N, C-alpha and C. Protein backbone atom coordinates (compact mmCIF):
# COMPACT_ATOMS: atom_id res chain seq x y z
N MET A 1 -30.23 -56.68 -3.40
CA MET A 1 -30.58 -57.98 -3.97
C MET A 1 -29.90 -59.11 -3.23
N GLY A 2 -28.72 -58.90 -2.70
CA GLY A 2 -28.00 -59.93 -1.96
C GLY A 2 -28.73 -60.34 -0.71
N VAL A 3 -29.41 -59.38 -0.06
CA VAL A 3 -30.17 -59.68 1.16
C VAL A 3 -31.38 -60.55 0.83
N VAL A 4 -32.07 -60.27 -0.29
CA VAL A 4 -33.24 -61.05 -0.71
C VAL A 4 -32.85 -62.49 -0.97
N ALA A 5 -31.75 -62.68 -1.69
CA ALA A 5 -31.29 -64.04 -1.99
C ALA A 5 -30.95 -64.80 -0.72
N LEU A 6 -30.33 -64.12 0.23
CA LEU A 6 -29.98 -64.75 1.50
C LEU A 6 -31.23 -65.20 2.26
N VAL A 7 -32.25 -64.34 2.26
CA VAL A 7 -33.51 -64.68 2.94
C VAL A 7 -34.17 -65.89 2.29
N ILE A 8 -34.18 -65.93 0.95
CA ILE A 8 -34.78 -67.06 0.23
C ILE A 8 -34.07 -68.37 0.56
N VAL A 9 -32.73 -68.31 0.61
CA VAL A 9 -31.95 -69.52 0.95
C VAL A 9 -32.30 -69.99 2.36
N VAL A 10 -32.42 -69.03 3.29
CA VAL A 10 -32.75 -69.39 4.68
C VAL A 10 -34.14 -70.02 4.74
N ILE A 11 -35.10 -69.47 3.95
CA ILE A 11 -36.46 -70.04 3.93
C ILE A 11 -36.45 -71.48 3.43
N ILE A 12 -35.71 -71.72 2.34
CA ILE A 12 -35.64 -73.08 1.79
C ILE A 12 -35.06 -74.07 2.79
N ILE A 13 -34.00 -73.64 3.48
CA ILE A 13 -33.36 -74.52 4.47
C ILE A 13 -34.32 -74.82 5.62
N LEU A 14 -35.02 -73.79 6.10
CA LEU A 14 -35.97 -74.00 7.20
C LEU A 14 -37.10 -74.94 6.79
N ILE A 15 -37.65 -74.73 5.57
CA ILE A 15 -38.73 -75.62 5.09
C ILE A 15 -38.24 -77.06 4.97
N PHE A 16 -37.01 -77.22 4.48
CA PHE A 16 -36.44 -78.56 4.33
C PHE A 16 -36.37 -79.26 5.68
N PHE A 17 -35.85 -78.55 6.70
CA PHE A 17 -35.71 -79.16 8.03
C PHE A 17 -37.08 -79.42 8.67
N ILE A 18 -38.03 -78.52 8.44
CA ILE A 18 -39.37 -78.72 9.02
C ILE A 18 -40.05 -79.96 8.43
N LEU A 19 -39.92 -80.15 7.12
CA LEU A 19 -40.53 -81.31 6.46
C LEU A 19 -39.88 -82.62 6.90
N LYS A 20 -38.66 -82.57 7.36
CA LYS A 20 -37.96 -83.78 7.79
C LYS A 20 -38.27 -84.20 9.23
N ILE A 21 -38.98 -83.31 9.96
CA ILE A 21 -39.30 -83.67 11.34
C ILE A 21 -40.37 -84.77 11.31
N PRO A 22 -40.10 -85.98 11.89
CA PRO A 22 -41.02 -87.13 11.73
C PRO A 22 -42.26 -87.06 12.61
N LYS A 23 -42.21 -86.44 13.76
CA LYS A 23 -43.32 -86.50 14.71
C LYS A 23 -44.43 -85.51 14.40
N LEU A 24 -44.19 -84.55 13.48
CA LEU A 24 -45.21 -83.55 13.16
C LEU A 24 -46.15 -84.08 12.08
N THR A 25 -47.43 -83.73 12.26
CA THR A 25 -48.40 -84.10 11.22
C THR A 25 -48.25 -83.17 10.04
N ILE A 26 -48.85 -83.57 8.93
CA ILE A 26 -48.74 -82.75 7.71
C ILE A 26 -49.38 -81.38 7.93
N ALA A 27 -50.47 -81.37 8.65
CA ALA A 27 -51.17 -80.08 8.91
C ALA A 27 -50.28 -79.13 9.69
N LYS A 28 -49.59 -79.67 10.72
CA LYS A 28 -48.70 -78.82 11.53
C LYS A 28 -47.51 -78.33 10.72
N LYS A 29 -47.00 -79.29 9.86
CA LYS A 29 -45.87 -78.90 9.03
C LYS A 29 -46.26 -77.76 8.08
N ILE A 30 -47.46 -77.86 7.51
CA ILE A 30 -47.93 -76.81 6.59
C ILE A 30 -48.11 -75.49 7.34
N LEU A 31 -48.66 -75.57 8.57
CA LEU A 31 -48.87 -74.36 9.37
C LEU A 31 -47.54 -73.68 9.70
N ILE A 32 -46.54 -74.47 10.07
CA ILE A 32 -45.21 -73.90 10.41
C ILE A 32 -44.58 -73.26 9.18
N VAL A 33 -44.68 -73.97 8.02
CA VAL A 33 -44.08 -73.45 6.78
C VAL A 33 -44.74 -72.12 6.41
N VAL A 34 -46.08 -72.06 6.51
CA VAL A 34 -46.81 -70.81 6.19
C VAL A 34 -46.39 -69.69 7.14
N SER A 35 -46.22 -70.02 8.43
CA SER A 35 -45.82 -69.01 9.41
C SER A 35 -44.43 -68.45 9.09
N VAL A 36 -43.53 -69.38 8.73
CA VAL A 36 -42.16 -68.96 8.37
C VAL A 36 -42.19 -68.07 7.14
N LEU A 37 -43.00 -68.47 6.15
CA LEU A 37 -43.10 -67.66 4.93
C LEU A 37 -43.64 -66.26 5.22
N LEU A 38 -44.69 -66.21 6.06
CA LEU A 38 -45.25 -64.90 6.42
C LEU A 38 -44.22 -64.03 7.14
N LEU A 39 -43.47 -64.65 8.07
CA LEU A 39 -42.45 -63.91 8.81
C LEU A 39 -41.38 -63.36 7.86
N CYS A 40 -40.98 -64.22 6.92
CA CYS A 40 -39.95 -63.79 5.96
C CYS A 40 -40.47 -62.68 5.06
N ILE A 41 -41.76 -62.78 4.66
CA ILE A 41 -42.35 -61.73 3.83
C ILE A 41 -42.37 -60.39 4.58
N ILE A 42 -42.71 -60.46 5.88
CA ILE A 42 -42.73 -59.24 6.69
C ILE A 42 -41.33 -58.62 6.78
N VAL A 43 -40.32 -59.47 7.00
CA VAL A 43 -38.93 -58.99 7.08
C VAL A 43 -38.51 -58.34 5.77
N LEU A 44 -38.83 -59.01 4.65
CA LEU A 44 -38.49 -58.45 3.34
C LEU A 44 -39.19 -57.11 3.10
N ALA A 45 -40.46 -57.05 3.52
CA ALA A 45 -41.21 -55.80 3.35
C ALA A 45 -40.57 -54.66 4.12
N ILE A 46 -40.15 -54.94 5.36
CA ILE A 46 -39.48 -53.91 6.17
C ILE A 46 -38.18 -53.45 5.50
N ILE A 47 -37.43 -54.44 4.96
CA ILE A 47 -36.16 -54.13 4.30
C ILE A 47 -36.39 -53.20 3.10
N PHE A 48 -37.41 -53.53 2.28
CA PHE A 48 -37.68 -52.73 1.09
C PHE A 48 -38.23 -51.35 1.43
N ILE A 49 -39.06 -51.28 2.50
CA ILE A 49 -39.63 -49.99 2.90
C ILE A 49 -38.55 -49.04 3.38
N THR A 50 -37.67 -49.54 4.22
CA THR A 50 -36.59 -48.69 4.76
C THR A 50 -35.53 -48.42 3.72
N GLY A 51 -35.53 -49.19 2.64
CA GLY A 51 -34.55 -48.97 1.57
C GLY A 51 -33.18 -49.53 1.89
N PHE A 52 -33.05 -50.06 3.10
CA PHE A 52 -31.78 -50.64 3.54
C PHE A 52 -30.63 -49.65 3.27
N ASP A 53 -30.89 -48.38 3.71
CA ASP A 53 -29.93 -47.32 3.42
C ASP A 53 -28.59 -47.53 4.10
N ARG A 54 -28.63 -48.00 5.32
CA ARG A 54 -27.37 -48.17 6.04
C ARG A 54 -26.60 -49.36 5.50
N GLY A 55 -25.39 -49.11 5.20
CA GLY A 55 -24.51 -50.19 4.77
C GLY A 55 -24.53 -50.45 3.29
N ARG A 56 -25.48 -49.82 2.51
CA ARG A 56 -25.48 -50.08 1.07
C ARG A 56 -24.51 -49.16 0.37
N MET A 57 -24.07 -49.54 -0.78
CA MET A 57 -23.19 -48.73 -1.60
C MET A 57 -23.99 -47.61 -2.23
N PRO A 58 -23.47 -46.38 -2.27
CA PRO A 58 -24.21 -45.29 -2.89
C PRO A 58 -24.33 -45.50 -4.40
N LYS A 59 -25.47 -45.08 -4.95
CA LYS A 59 -25.67 -45.21 -6.38
C LYS A 59 -24.86 -44.17 -7.14
N ARG A 60 -24.64 -44.45 -8.41
CA ARG A 60 -23.87 -43.54 -9.25
C ARG A 60 -24.51 -42.16 -9.33
N GLU A 61 -25.86 -42.15 -9.44
CA GLU A 61 -26.57 -40.88 -9.53
C GLU A 61 -26.37 -40.05 -8.26
N GLU A 62 -26.36 -40.75 -7.09
CA GLU A 62 -26.16 -40.05 -5.83
C GLU A 62 -24.77 -39.46 -5.73
N LEU A 63 -23.76 -40.23 -6.20
CA LEU A 63 -22.38 -39.72 -6.20
C LEU A 63 -22.24 -38.49 -7.09
N GLU A 64 -22.86 -38.54 -8.28
CA GLU A 64 -22.79 -37.40 -9.19
C GLU A 64 -23.48 -36.18 -8.59
N TYR A 65 -24.63 -36.41 -7.93
CA TYR A 65 -25.35 -35.30 -7.30
C TYR A 65 -24.52 -34.67 -6.18
N THR A 66 -23.88 -35.52 -5.37
CA THR A 66 -23.03 -35.03 -4.29
C THR A 66 -21.87 -34.22 -4.82
N GLN A 67 -21.24 -34.72 -5.90
CA GLN A 67 -20.10 -34.01 -6.49
C GLN A 67 -20.52 -32.64 -7.03
N GLU A 68 -21.73 -32.59 -7.65
CA GLU A 68 -22.23 -31.31 -8.16
C GLU A 68 -22.42 -30.32 -7.01
N ASN A 69 -22.94 -30.81 -5.88
CA ASN A 69 -23.13 -29.93 -4.72
C ASN A 69 -21.80 -29.40 -4.20
N LEU A 70 -20.79 -30.30 -4.14
CA LEU A 70 -19.46 -29.89 -3.68
C LEU A 70 -18.87 -28.84 -4.60
N ASP A 71 -19.02 -29.04 -5.93
CA ASP A 71 -18.50 -28.06 -6.90
C ASP A 71 -19.19 -26.72 -6.72
N THR A 72 -20.50 -26.74 -6.46
CA THR A 72 -21.25 -25.50 -6.26
C THR A 72 -20.75 -24.77 -5.02
N ILE A 73 -20.51 -25.53 -3.94
CA ILE A 73 -20.02 -24.93 -2.70
C ILE A 73 -18.64 -24.30 -2.91
N LYS A 74 -17.76 -25.02 -3.65
CA LYS A 74 -16.42 -24.49 -3.91
C LYS A 74 -16.48 -23.19 -4.72
N LYS A 75 -17.36 -23.17 -5.74
CA LYS A 75 -17.51 -21.96 -6.55
C LYS A 75 -18.01 -20.80 -5.70
N ALA A 76 -18.97 -21.09 -4.83
CA ALA A 76 -19.52 -20.04 -3.96
C ALA A 76 -18.45 -19.50 -3.02
N ASP A 77 -17.63 -20.41 -2.46
CA ASP A 77 -16.56 -20.01 -1.55
C ASP A 77 -15.53 -19.16 -2.28
N SER A 78 -15.21 -19.56 -3.53
CA SER A 78 -14.26 -18.79 -4.33
C SER A 78 -14.81 -17.41 -4.63
N THR A 79 -16.11 -17.33 -4.92
CA THR A 79 -16.73 -16.04 -5.20
C THR A 79 -16.69 -15.14 -3.98
N ILE A 80 -16.94 -15.72 -2.81
CA ILE A 80 -16.90 -14.94 -1.56
C ILE A 80 -15.51 -14.41 -1.33
N THR A 81 -14.47 -15.24 -1.56
CA THR A 81 -13.09 -14.82 -1.36
C THR A 81 -12.73 -13.67 -2.29
N ILE A 82 -13.10 -13.82 -3.57
CA ILE A 82 -12.80 -12.77 -4.54
C ILE A 82 -13.52 -11.48 -4.17
N THR A 83 -14.79 -11.61 -3.75
CA THR A 83 -15.56 -10.43 -3.37
C THR A 83 -14.92 -9.73 -2.18
N SER A 84 -14.44 -10.51 -1.20
CA SER A 84 -13.78 -9.93 -0.03
C SER A 84 -12.52 -9.18 -0.43
N GLU A 85 -11.74 -9.76 -1.37
CA GLU A 85 -10.54 -9.09 -1.84
C GLU A 85 -10.88 -7.79 -2.55
N ASN A 86 -11.95 -7.83 -3.34
CA ASN A 86 -12.36 -6.63 -4.07
C ASN A 86 -12.80 -5.53 -3.11
N ILE A 87 -13.53 -5.93 -2.05
CA ILE A 87 -13.98 -4.95 -1.06
C ILE A 87 -12.79 -4.30 -0.38
N ASN A 88 -11.78 -5.13 0.00
CA ASN A 88 -10.59 -4.57 0.65
C ASN A 88 -9.84 -3.63 -0.28
N SER A 89 -9.77 -4.02 -1.57
CA SER A 89 -9.10 -3.17 -2.55
C SER A 89 -9.82 -1.85 -2.72
N LEU A 90 -11.16 -1.91 -2.79
CA LEU A 90 -11.94 -0.68 -2.91
C LEU A 90 -11.79 0.19 -1.66
N LYS A 91 -11.71 -0.47 -0.51
CA LYS A 91 -11.54 0.26 0.74
C LYS A 91 -10.21 1.00 0.76
N ASP A 92 -9.13 0.30 0.32
CA ASP A 92 -7.81 0.93 0.27
C ASP A 92 -7.84 2.14 -0.66
N ASN A 93 -8.44 1.96 -1.84
CA ASN A 93 -8.48 3.05 -2.81
C ASN A 93 -9.30 4.23 -2.28
N SER A 94 -10.43 3.92 -1.61
CA SER A 94 -11.27 4.99 -1.10
C SER A 94 -10.55 5.80 -0.03
N GLU A 95 -9.73 5.10 0.80
CA GLU A 95 -8.97 5.81 1.83
C GLU A 95 -8.00 6.80 1.19
N LYS A 96 -7.35 6.37 0.10
CA LYS A 96 -6.40 7.25 -0.56
C LYS A 96 -7.11 8.39 -1.29
N GLU A 97 -8.28 8.11 -1.84
CA GLU A 97 -9.02 9.14 -2.56
C GLU A 97 -9.50 10.25 -1.63
N LYS A 98 -9.64 9.94 -0.36
CA LYS A 98 -10.11 10.94 0.59
C LYS A 98 -9.07 12.01 0.87
N LYS A 99 -7.80 11.74 0.59
CA LYS A 99 -6.73 12.69 0.87
C LYS A 99 -6.88 13.93 -0.01
N ILE A 100 -6.59 15.10 0.58
CA ILE A 100 -6.73 16.35 -0.18
C ILE A 100 -5.54 16.57 -1.11
N PHE A 101 -4.46 15.82 -0.91
CA PHE A 101 -3.33 15.84 -1.84
C PHE A 101 -2.51 14.56 -1.64
N GLU A 102 -1.64 14.29 -2.57
CA GLU A 102 -0.82 13.09 -2.51
C GLU A 102 0.20 13.20 -1.38
N ILE A 103 0.24 12.17 -0.53
CA ILE A 103 1.13 12.19 0.64
C ILE A 103 2.37 11.34 0.42
N GLU A 104 2.23 10.21 -0.22
CA GLU A 104 3.35 9.30 -0.40
C GLU A 104 4.46 9.95 -1.23
N GLY A 105 5.70 9.62 -0.86
CA GLY A 105 6.82 10.12 -1.65
C GLY A 105 8.06 10.32 -0.79
N HIS A 106 9.09 10.89 -1.41
CA HIS A 106 10.38 11.14 -0.74
C HIS A 106 10.50 12.63 -0.42
N TYR A 107 10.97 12.91 0.80
CA TYR A 107 11.12 14.29 1.27
C TYR A 107 12.58 14.53 1.66
N GLN A 108 13.09 15.71 1.26
CA GLN A 108 14.46 16.10 1.61
C GLN A 108 14.44 17.44 2.32
N LEU A 109 15.53 17.70 3.06
CA LEU A 109 15.62 18.96 3.79
C LEU A 109 15.67 20.14 2.84
N LYS A 110 14.98 21.20 3.24
CA LYS A 110 15.01 22.44 2.47
C LYS A 110 16.41 23.05 2.55
N LYS A 111 16.82 23.65 1.50
CA LYS A 111 18.14 24.28 1.50
C LYS A 111 18.22 25.34 2.59
N GLY A 112 19.33 25.32 3.32
CA GLY A 112 19.49 26.25 4.43
C GLY A 112 19.40 25.57 5.77
N ASN A 113 18.76 24.39 5.83
CA ASN A 113 18.73 23.62 7.08
C ASN A 113 20.07 22.96 7.31
N SER A 114 20.54 23.01 8.55
CA SER A 114 21.83 22.39 8.88
C SER A 114 21.70 20.90 9.18
N CYS A 115 20.49 20.46 9.53
CA CYS A 115 20.28 19.04 9.81
C CYS A 115 20.38 18.24 8.51
N LYS A 116 20.77 17.00 8.62
CA LYS A 116 20.79 16.10 7.47
C LYS A 116 19.72 15.03 7.69
N MET A 117 18.78 14.98 6.77
CA MET A 117 17.63 14.11 7.00
C MET A 117 16.94 13.78 5.68
N ASN A 118 16.52 12.52 5.54
CA ASN A 118 15.73 12.07 4.40
C ASN A 118 14.52 11.30 4.93
N LEU A 119 13.36 11.55 4.33
CA LEU A 119 12.12 10.94 4.80
C LEU A 119 11.36 10.34 3.63
N THR A 120 10.79 9.15 3.85
CA THR A 120 9.92 8.51 2.86
C THR A 120 8.59 8.17 3.53
N LEU A 121 7.50 8.57 2.89
CA LEU A 121 6.17 8.21 3.35
C LEU A 121 5.54 7.26 2.33
N TYR A 122 4.91 6.20 2.81
CA TYR A 122 4.29 5.22 1.91
C TYR A 122 3.18 4.48 2.66
N TYR A 123 2.29 3.88 1.89
CA TYR A 123 1.21 3.08 2.46
C TYR A 123 1.53 1.60 2.32
N GLN A 124 1.20 0.86 3.36
CA GLN A 124 1.34 -0.60 3.34
C GLN A 124 0.11 -1.20 4.01
N LYS A 125 -0.70 -1.92 3.22
CA LYS A 125 -1.95 -2.49 3.73
C LYS A 125 -2.82 -1.43 4.41
N ASN A 126 -2.96 -0.32 3.71
CA ASN A 126 -3.82 0.78 4.15
C ASN A 126 -3.31 1.48 5.40
N GLN A 127 -2.05 1.25 5.77
CA GLN A 127 -1.45 1.92 6.93
C GLN A 127 -0.31 2.82 6.43
N LEU A 128 -0.38 4.11 6.79
CA LEU A 128 0.68 5.04 6.43
C LEU A 128 1.93 4.72 7.25
N LYS A 129 3.07 4.61 6.57
CA LYS A 129 4.34 4.30 7.23
C LYS A 129 5.40 5.29 6.79
N TYR A 130 6.49 5.33 7.55
CA TYR A 130 7.59 6.23 7.22
C TYR A 130 8.94 5.54 7.39
N LYS A 131 9.93 6.08 6.69
CA LYS A 131 11.34 5.73 6.90
C LYS A 131 12.10 7.04 6.98
N LEU A 132 12.79 7.23 8.11
CA LEU A 132 13.50 8.48 8.35
C LEU A 132 14.97 8.18 8.63
N LYS A 133 15.85 8.88 7.93
CA LYS A 133 17.28 8.66 8.11
C LYS A 133 17.97 9.99 8.39
N THR A 134 18.74 10.03 9.49
CA THR A 134 19.54 11.20 9.83
C THR A 134 21.02 10.81 9.71
N ASP A 135 21.89 11.71 10.18
CA ASP A 135 23.32 11.42 10.15
C ASP A 135 23.69 10.20 10.98
N THR A 136 23.00 10.04 12.11
CA THR A 136 23.42 9.01 13.08
C THR A 136 22.36 7.94 13.33
N GLN A 137 21.14 8.15 12.88
CA GLN A 137 20.06 7.22 13.23
C GLN A 137 19.16 6.93 12.05
N GLU A 138 18.46 5.80 12.15
CA GLU A 138 17.43 5.45 11.18
C GLU A 138 16.18 5.00 11.93
N PHE A 139 15.04 5.49 11.48
CA PHE A 139 13.77 5.15 12.12
C PHE A 139 12.80 4.63 11.06
N SER A 140 11.94 3.72 11.48
CA SER A 140 10.94 3.17 10.56
C SER A 140 9.77 2.63 11.38
N ASP A 141 8.56 3.17 11.12
CA ASP A 141 7.39 2.72 11.87
C ASP A 141 6.13 3.30 11.23
N ASP A 142 5.03 3.28 11.99
CA ASP A 142 3.76 3.82 11.49
C ASP A 142 3.73 5.33 11.63
N ALA A 143 2.93 5.95 10.78
CA ALA A 143 2.65 7.38 10.89
C ALA A 143 1.14 7.58 10.88
N GLU A 144 0.70 8.67 11.50
CA GLU A 144 -0.72 8.99 11.53
C GLU A 144 -0.92 10.44 11.08
N ILE A 145 -2.03 10.68 10.38
CA ILE A 145 -2.34 12.04 9.94
C ILE A 145 -3.77 12.40 10.37
N GLU A 146 -3.97 13.70 10.58
CA GLU A 146 -5.30 14.21 10.92
C GLU A 146 -5.48 15.56 10.24
N LEU A 147 -6.61 15.73 9.60
CA LEU A 147 -6.88 16.97 8.87
C LEU A 147 -6.89 18.15 9.83
N ASN A 148 -6.22 19.25 9.44
CA ASN A 148 -6.19 20.43 10.31
C ASN A 148 -7.49 21.23 10.23
N GLU A 149 -7.58 22.27 11.06
CA GLU A 149 -8.82 23.03 11.15
C GLU A 149 -9.15 23.76 9.84
N ALA A 150 -8.12 24.23 9.17
CA ALA A 150 -8.34 24.96 7.92
C ALA A 150 -8.62 24.03 6.74
N LYS A 151 -8.42 22.74 6.96
CA LYS A 151 -8.63 21.72 5.93
C LYS A 151 -7.78 21.95 4.68
N ASP A 152 -6.59 22.49 4.94
CA ASP A 152 -5.64 22.67 3.84
C ASP A 152 -4.36 21.86 4.04
N GLY A 153 -4.36 21.04 5.08
CA GLY A 153 -3.19 20.22 5.38
C GLY A 153 -3.50 19.26 6.52
N TYR A 154 -2.45 18.64 7.03
CA TYR A 154 -2.63 17.63 8.07
C TYR A 154 -1.65 17.84 9.23
N TYR A 155 -2.05 17.39 10.39
CA TYR A 155 -1.11 17.16 11.47
C TYR A 155 -0.59 15.73 11.28
N ILE A 156 0.72 15.57 11.38
CA ILE A 156 1.30 14.24 11.17
C ILE A 156 2.10 13.83 12.40
N ILE A 157 2.00 12.58 12.77
CA ILE A 157 2.72 12.03 13.92
C ILE A 157 3.55 10.85 13.46
N PHE A 158 4.83 10.86 13.81
CA PHE A 158 5.74 9.76 13.51
C PHE A 158 5.94 8.95 14.79
N LYS A 159 5.58 7.67 14.72
CA LYS A 159 5.64 6.81 15.90
C LYS A 159 7.07 6.31 16.16
N ASN A 160 7.34 6.10 17.45
CA ASN A 160 8.55 5.40 17.90
C ASN A 160 9.84 6.15 17.54
N ILE A 161 9.84 7.46 17.75
CA ILE A 161 11.07 8.27 17.65
C ILE A 161 11.27 8.95 19.00
N GLU A 162 12.28 8.55 19.71
CA GLU A 162 12.52 9.11 21.04
C GLU A 162 13.24 10.45 20.93
N TRP A 163 12.75 11.45 21.68
CA TRP A 163 13.36 12.77 21.63
C TRP A 163 14.76 12.72 22.26
N SER A 164 15.58 13.66 21.85
CA SER A 164 16.94 13.73 22.41
C SER A 164 16.92 14.23 23.87
N GLU A 165 16.13 15.29 24.14
CA GLU A 165 16.03 15.83 25.49
C GLU A 165 14.60 16.28 25.74
N TYR A 166 14.20 16.22 27.03
CA TYR A 166 12.88 16.71 27.38
C TYR A 166 12.83 17.02 28.88
N LEU A 167 12.61 18.33 29.19
CA LEU A 167 12.47 18.74 30.58
C LEU A 167 11.05 19.22 30.88
N GLY A 168 10.29 19.53 29.84
CA GLY A 168 8.92 20.00 30.03
C GLY A 168 8.87 21.47 30.42
N GLU A 169 7.84 21.86 31.15
CA GLU A 169 7.67 23.25 31.56
C GLU A 169 8.73 23.65 32.58
N LEU A 170 9.22 24.89 32.43
CA LEU A 170 10.26 25.42 33.32
C LEU A 170 9.70 26.55 34.18
N ASP A 171 10.25 26.70 35.37
CA ASP A 171 9.84 27.82 36.23
C ASP A 171 10.62 29.08 35.84
N ASN A 172 10.45 30.16 36.63
CA ASN A 172 11.11 31.44 36.31
C ASN A 172 12.62 31.36 36.39
N GLU A 173 13.13 30.39 37.12
CA GLU A 173 14.58 30.22 37.25
C GLU A 173 15.13 29.23 36.24
N GLY A 174 14.26 28.74 35.34
CA GLY A 174 14.72 27.82 34.30
C GLY A 174 14.83 26.38 34.75
N GLU A 175 14.21 26.06 35.87
CA GLU A 175 14.25 24.70 36.39
C GLU A 175 12.94 23.97 36.03
N PRO A 176 13.04 22.67 35.80
CA PRO A 176 11.82 21.92 35.46
C PRO A 176 10.81 21.95 36.60
N ILE A 177 9.55 22.20 36.26
CA ILE A 177 8.49 22.19 37.27
C ILE A 177 8.25 20.76 37.75
N GLU A 178 8.31 19.80 36.85
CA GLU A 178 8.18 18.38 37.21
C GLU A 178 9.49 17.68 36.91
N LYS A 179 9.93 16.85 37.83
CA LYS A 179 11.19 16.14 37.68
C LYS A 179 10.98 14.77 37.02
N ASP A 180 12.03 14.33 36.34
CA ASP A 180 12.08 12.96 35.77
C ASP A 180 10.87 12.62 34.90
N LEU A 181 10.56 13.54 34.02
CA LEU A 181 9.46 13.26 33.08
C LEU A 181 9.91 12.22 32.05
N PRO A 182 9.00 11.34 31.64
CA PRO A 182 9.38 10.35 30.61
C PRO A 182 9.64 11.04 29.26
N ILE A 183 10.62 10.50 28.54
CA ILE A 183 10.96 11.06 27.23
C ILE A 183 9.88 10.69 26.22
N PRO A 184 9.28 11.65 25.53
CA PRO A 184 8.28 11.32 24.50
C PRO A 184 8.89 10.47 23.39
N LYS A 185 8.05 9.66 22.77
CA LYS A 185 8.51 8.78 21.69
C LYS A 185 7.67 8.95 20.43
N GLU A 186 7.10 10.14 20.28
CA GLU A 186 6.37 10.47 19.06
C GLU A 186 6.76 11.88 18.64
N VAL A 187 6.97 12.05 17.35
CA VAL A 187 7.33 13.36 16.80
C VAL A 187 6.17 13.89 15.98
N SER A 188 5.77 15.12 16.28
CA SER A 188 4.65 15.74 15.58
C SER A 188 5.14 16.81 14.62
N GLY A 189 4.36 17.03 13.57
CA GLY A 189 4.67 18.07 12.61
C GLY A 189 3.43 18.45 11.84
N THR A 190 3.60 19.35 10.91
CA THR A 190 2.49 19.75 10.03
C THR A 190 2.85 19.34 8.61
N LEU A 191 1.84 18.85 7.91
CA LEU A 191 2.03 18.35 6.54
C LEU A 191 1.16 19.17 5.60
N TYR A 192 1.81 19.85 4.68
CA TYR A 192 1.11 20.55 3.62
C TYR A 192 1.52 19.92 2.29
N LYS A 193 0.92 20.38 1.23
CA LYS A 193 1.25 19.82 -0.08
C LYS A 193 2.73 20.03 -0.36
N ASP A 194 3.45 18.92 -0.49
CA ASP A 194 4.87 18.91 -0.84
C ASP A 194 5.77 19.46 0.26
N GLU A 195 5.27 19.54 1.52
CA GLU A 195 6.12 20.10 2.58
C GLU A 195 5.72 19.57 3.95
N ILE A 196 6.72 19.27 4.78
CA ILE A 196 6.52 18.87 6.17
C ILE A 196 7.38 19.77 7.05
N ILE A 197 6.78 20.30 8.12
CA ILE A 197 7.51 21.17 9.04
C ILE A 197 7.44 20.56 10.44
N ILE A 198 8.62 20.42 11.08
CA ILE A 198 8.72 19.88 12.44
C ILE A 198 9.42 20.90 13.32
N GLN A 199 8.81 21.24 14.45
CA GLN A 199 9.49 22.11 15.40
C GLN A 199 10.47 21.26 16.19
N ASN A 200 11.76 21.60 16.09
CA ASN A 200 12.81 20.72 16.60
C ASN A 200 13.14 20.96 18.07
N TYR A 201 12.96 22.18 18.57
CA TYR A 201 13.19 22.41 20.00
C TYR A 201 12.25 23.49 20.50
N GLY A 202 12.12 23.56 21.83
CA GLY A 202 11.15 24.44 22.45
C GLY A 202 11.70 25.82 22.76
N ASN A 203 11.28 26.36 23.93
CA ASN A 203 11.70 27.71 24.31
C ASN A 203 12.01 27.73 25.81
N SER A 204 12.14 28.95 26.35
CA SER A 204 12.53 29.10 27.75
C SER A 204 11.44 28.64 28.71
N MET A 205 10.23 28.49 28.21
CA MET A 205 9.13 28.05 29.07
C MET A 205 8.83 26.55 28.93
N ASN A 206 9.31 25.97 27.86
CA ASN A 206 9.04 24.54 27.59
C ASN A 206 10.26 23.97 26.85
N TYR A 207 11.12 23.28 27.60
CA TYR A 207 12.41 22.87 27.03
C TYR A 207 12.34 21.44 26.48
N TYR A 208 12.71 21.30 25.21
CA TYR A 208 12.86 19.97 24.62
C TYR A 208 13.72 20.08 23.36
N VAL A 209 14.34 18.98 23.00
CA VAL A 209 15.11 18.87 21.77
C VAL A 209 14.73 17.53 21.13
N VAL A 210 14.27 17.58 19.90
CA VAL A 210 13.85 16.34 19.23
C VAL A 210 15.05 15.68 18.56
N PHE A 211 15.67 16.37 17.62
CA PHE A 211 16.85 15.85 16.92
C PHE A 211 18.06 16.71 17.26
N GLU A 212 19.22 16.09 17.35
CA GLU A 212 20.44 16.80 17.69
C GLU A 212 20.97 17.57 16.47
N CYS A 213 20.36 18.72 16.25
CA CYS A 213 20.87 19.63 15.22
C CYS A 213 20.43 21.05 15.59
N GLY A 214 21.01 22.04 14.96
CA GLY A 214 20.81 23.42 15.41
C GLY A 214 19.55 24.09 14.91
N ASP A 215 18.81 23.50 14.02
CA ASP A 215 17.64 24.15 13.45
C ASP A 215 16.43 24.04 14.37
N LYS A 216 15.76 25.18 14.58
CA LYS A 216 14.54 25.13 15.39
C LYS A 216 13.40 24.50 14.60
N TYR A 217 13.34 24.82 13.33
CA TYR A 217 12.31 24.24 12.47
C TYR A 217 12.98 23.43 11.36
N ILE A 218 12.55 22.18 11.27
CA ILE A 218 13.04 21.29 10.20
C ILE A 218 12.01 21.29 9.09
N GLU A 219 12.43 21.71 7.90
CA GLU A 219 11.52 21.78 6.76
C GLU A 219 11.94 20.75 5.73
N LEU A 220 11.02 19.87 5.42
CA LEU A 220 11.27 18.79 4.45
C LEU A 220 10.40 19.05 3.20
N ILE A 221 11.05 19.05 2.04
CA ILE A 221 10.36 19.33 0.79
C ILE A 221 10.25 18.03 -0.01
N LYS A 222 9.07 17.82 -0.58
CA LYS A 222 8.86 16.62 -1.39
C LYS A 222 9.59 16.73 -2.71
N LYS A 223 10.28 15.65 -3.09
CA LYS A 223 11.04 15.66 -4.34
C LYS A 223 10.11 15.53 -5.53
């Protein structure tokens, strides 16, 4: 409405100045006034047709409609987030349900073993982890399991545990066939229900020592 009023004021001023011009005849003055009026009508028509969208203040209804759309988008985003969390939760549960027996828990050395060792297995964000404590060392990292051929247990690997000694395959004279082999940093064992068995050292054909203790087989029983 402010634009319309401005145009009307401009028309009145122009007509006033045109009528004051002394050298023009009345016919010419009327022709000029009519031309100005027609031009102004055309300008107003263009303004109304285009709606003068640019630069105008948004209407209350438009603001309410925009806010409703924003609220809808926020609700949808929240629903997507919740759904994603639910999917991850279901995925974690399904991974655990696939196990043939419960793996998480605390394991202690079987009576008769000379080594001193405590082991804890647990899941964190769907990743199996371990904490292992001996007389002199503590280890903590990821663990991996794989179902064995008989499908009655698992092969288990403890990451980031460096062996005490490793010479690899030996010849007939007890000398390493390959020199300066890198020390392995993963410990393998077998996992059955409530029991883990680790072979701690090798034999005359394959020399290695995993942990510094006298037991060839380390047996850990679940508490």
